[in-house]
Amino acid sequence: MATKSDNGSDSSLPPRIKAAFEYLEHVREVTTQWSPAIPMRDLTNVEKSVELAALRALQQYLLGEMDFAENPSASKSADTDDEDD
């Protein structure tokens, strides 16, 4: 199974999808008992809802329902607005 270090920083995945994968990795680490000295724990209600949202985002991305592409013109206009202040 791939770990966070296997993903690499040059991945062509959109930032939201990268974040979803990273959160699901966090969930796996929290809910799996890796060592007898560190007990596993259940997810809180908020963590469960974020996990579900991450799974939905991945499903939509992998099925091609959404591309989650970043809009470069939107980020440029936000940068321009910040410079005006």
C-alpha atoms as a PDB file:
ATOM      1  CA  MET A   1       0.000   0.000   0.000  1.00  0.00           C
ATOM      2  CA  ALA A   2       1.290   3.459  -0.849  1.00  0.00           C
ATOM      3  CA  THR A   3       2.307   5.777   1.908  1.00  0.00           C
ATOM      4  CA  LYS A   4       2.418   9.540   2.025  1.00  0.00           C
ATOM      5  CA  SER A   5       6.086   9.561   1.011  1.00  0.00           C
ATOM      6  CA  ASP A   6       5.283   7.467  -2.079  1.00  0.00           C
ATOM      7  CA  ASN A   7       2.887  10.084  -3.473  1.00  0.00           C
ATOM      8  CA  GLY A   8       5.595  12.611  -4.364  1.00  0.00           C
ATOM      9  CA  SER A   9       5.220  16.345  -4.677  1.00  0.00           C
ATOM     10  CA  ASP A  10       5.175  16.395  -8.490  1.00  0.00           C
ATOM     11  CA  SER A  11       1.827  14.630  -8.688  1.00  0.00           C
ATOM     12  CA  SER A  12      -0.648  15.930 -11.243  1.00  0.00           C
ATOM     13  CA  LEU A  13      -3.583  15.460  -8.874  1.00  0.00           C
ATOM     14  CA  PRO A  14      -5.679  18.522  -8.033  1.00  0.00           C
ATOM     15  CA  PRO A  15      -5.046  19.950  -4.537  1.00  0.00           C
ATOM     16  CA  ARG A  16      -8.488  18.900  -3.244  1.00  0.00           C
ATOM     17  CA  ILE A  17      -7.887  15.312  -4.302  1.00  0.00           C
ATOM     18  CA  LYS A  18      -4.426  15.305  -2.713  1.00  0.00           C
ATOM     19  CA  ALA A  19      -5.999  16.600   0.497  1.00  0.00           C
ATOM     20  CA  ALA A  20      -8.671  13.883   0.365  1.00  0.00           C
ATOM     21  CA  PHE A  21      -6.033  11.172   0.001  1.00  0.00           C
ATOM     22  CA  GLU A  22      -3.980  12.660   2.843  1.00  0.00           C
ATOM     23  CA  TYR A  23      -7.012  12.832   5.127  1.00  0.00           C
ATOM     24  CA  LEU A  24      -7.924   9.227   4.387  1.00  0.00           C
ATOM     25  CA  GLU A  25      -4.338   8.248   5.207  1.00  0.00           C
ATOM     26  CA  HIS A  26      -4.736  10.098   8.527  1.00  0.00           C
ATOM     27  CA  VAL A  27      -7.976   8.203   9.210  1.00  0.00           C
ATOM     28  CA  ARG A  28      -6.259   4.899   8.484  1.00  0.00           C
ATOM     29  CA  GLU A  29      -3.399   5.740  10.832  1.00  0.00           C
ATOM     30  CA  VAL A  30      -5.775   6.765  13.627  1.00  0.00           C
ATOM     31  CA  THR A  31      -8.094   3.771  13.360  1.00  0.00           C
ATOM     32  CA  THR A  32      -5.426   1.074  12.909  1.00  0.00           C
ATOM     33  CA  GLN A  33      -3.466  -0.228  15.868  1.00  0.00           C
ATOM     34  CA  TRP A  34       0.143  -0.147  14.690  1.00  0.00           C
ATOM     35  CA  SER A  35       1.696  -0.891  18.065  1.00  0.00           C
ATOM     36  CA  PRO A  36       0.368  -2.412  21.293  1.00  0.00           C
ATOM     37  CA  ALA A  37       1.677   0.670  23.099  1.00  0.00           C
ATOM     38  CA  ILE A  38      -0.459   3.049  21.006  1.00  0.00           C
ATOM     39  CA  PRO A  39      -4.142   2.164  21.102  1.00  0.00           C
ATOM     40  CA  MET A  40      -6.385   2.782  18.133  1.00  0.00           C
ATOM     41  CA  ARG A  41      -9.338   5.089  18.561  1.00  0.00           C
ATOM     42  CA  ASP A  42     -12.710   5.676  16.997  1.00  0.00           C
ATOM     43  CA  LEU A  43     -13.306   8.700  14.819  1.00  0.00           C
ATOM     44  CA  THR A  44     -15.295  11.624  16.183  1.00  0.00           C
ATOM     45  CA  ASN A  45     -18.511  12.617  14.429  1.00  0.00           C
ATOM     46  CA  VAL A  46     -16.727  15.509  12.719  1.00  0.00           C
ATOM     47  CA  GLU A  47     -13.895  13.228  11.539  1.00  0.00           C
ATOM     48  CA  LYS A  48     -16.455  10.743  10.179  1.00  0.00           C
ATOM     49  CA  SER A  49     -18.241  13.474   8.215  1.00  0.00           C
ATOM     50  CA  VAL A  50     -14.944  14.743   6.763  1.00  0.00           C
ATOM     51  CA  GLU A  51     -14.008  11.167   5.861  1.00  0.00           C
ATOM     52  CA  LEU A  52     -17.308  10.778   4.023  1.00  0.00           C
ATOM     53  CA  ALA A  53     -16.761  14.071   2.179  1.00  0.00           C
ATOM     54  CA  ALA A  54     -13.250  12.960   1.169  1.00  0.00           C
ATOM     55  CA  LEU A  55     -14.601   9.646  -0.112  1.00  0.00           C
ATOM     56  CA  ARG A  56     -17.318  11.457  -2.106  1.00  0.00           C
ATOM     57  CA  ALA A  57     -14.760  13.827  -3.633  1.00  0.00           C
ATOM     58  CA  LEU A  58     -12.549  10.895  -4.672  1.00  0.00           C
ATOM     59  CA  GLN A  59     -15.522   9.042  -6.108  1.00  0.00           C
ATOM     60  CA  GLN A  60     -16.588  12.055  -8.167  1.00  0.00           C
ATOM     61  CA  TYR A  61     -13.024  12.613  -9.388  1.00  0.00           C
ATOM     62  CA  LEU A  62     -12.367   8.974 -10.292  1.00  0.00           C
ATOM     63  CA  LEU A  63     -15.712   8.600 -12.075  1.00  0.00           C
ATOM     64  CA  GLY A  64     -15.049  11.789 -14.035  1.00  0.00           C
ATOM     65  CA  GLU A  65     -18.060  13.571 -12.589  1.00  0.00           C
ATOM     66  CA  MET A  66     -15.883  16.490 -11.478  1.00  0.00           C
ATOM     67  CA  ASP A  67     -12.333  17.431 -12.427  1.00  0.00           C
ATOM     68  CA  PHE A  68     -11.580  19.654  -9.394  1.00  0.00           C
ATOM     69  CA  ALA A  69      -9.261  21.700 -11.588  1.00  0.00           C
ATOM     70  CA  GLU A  70      -7.982  24.888 -10.065  1.00  0.00           C
ATOM     71  CA  ASN A  71      -9.098  28.029 -11.866  1.00  0.00           C
ATOM     72  CA  PRO A  72      -5.870  29.998 -12.448  1.00  0.00           C
ATOM     73  CA  SER A  73      -7.725  33.194 -13.390  1.00  0.00           C
ATOM     74  CA  ALA A  74      -9.594  33.157 -10.062  1.00  0.00           C
ATOM     75  CA  SER A  75      -6.373  32.873  -8.067  1.00  0.00           C
ATOM     76  CA  LYS A  76      -4.742  35.652 -10.121  1.00  0.00           C
ATOM     77  CA  SER A  77      -7.667  37.995  -9.490  1.00  0.00           C
ATOM     78  CA  ALA A  78      -7.499  37.214  -5.766  1.00  0.00           C
ATOM     79  CA  ASP A  79      -3.791  38.059  -5.791  1.00  0.00           C
ATOM     80  CA  THR A  80      -4.514  41.325  -7.595  1.00  0.00           C
ATOM     81  CA  ASP A  81      -7.201  42.228  -5.045  1.00  0.00           C
ATOM     82  CA  ASP A  82      -4.756  41.621  -2.191  1.00  0.00           C
ATOM     83  CA  GLU A  83      -2.154  43.930  -3.751  1.00  0.00           C
ATOM     84  CA  ASP A  84      -4.673  46.786  -3.961  1.00  0.00           C
ATOM     85  CA  ASP A  85      -5.125  46.881  -0.160  1.00  0.00           C
END
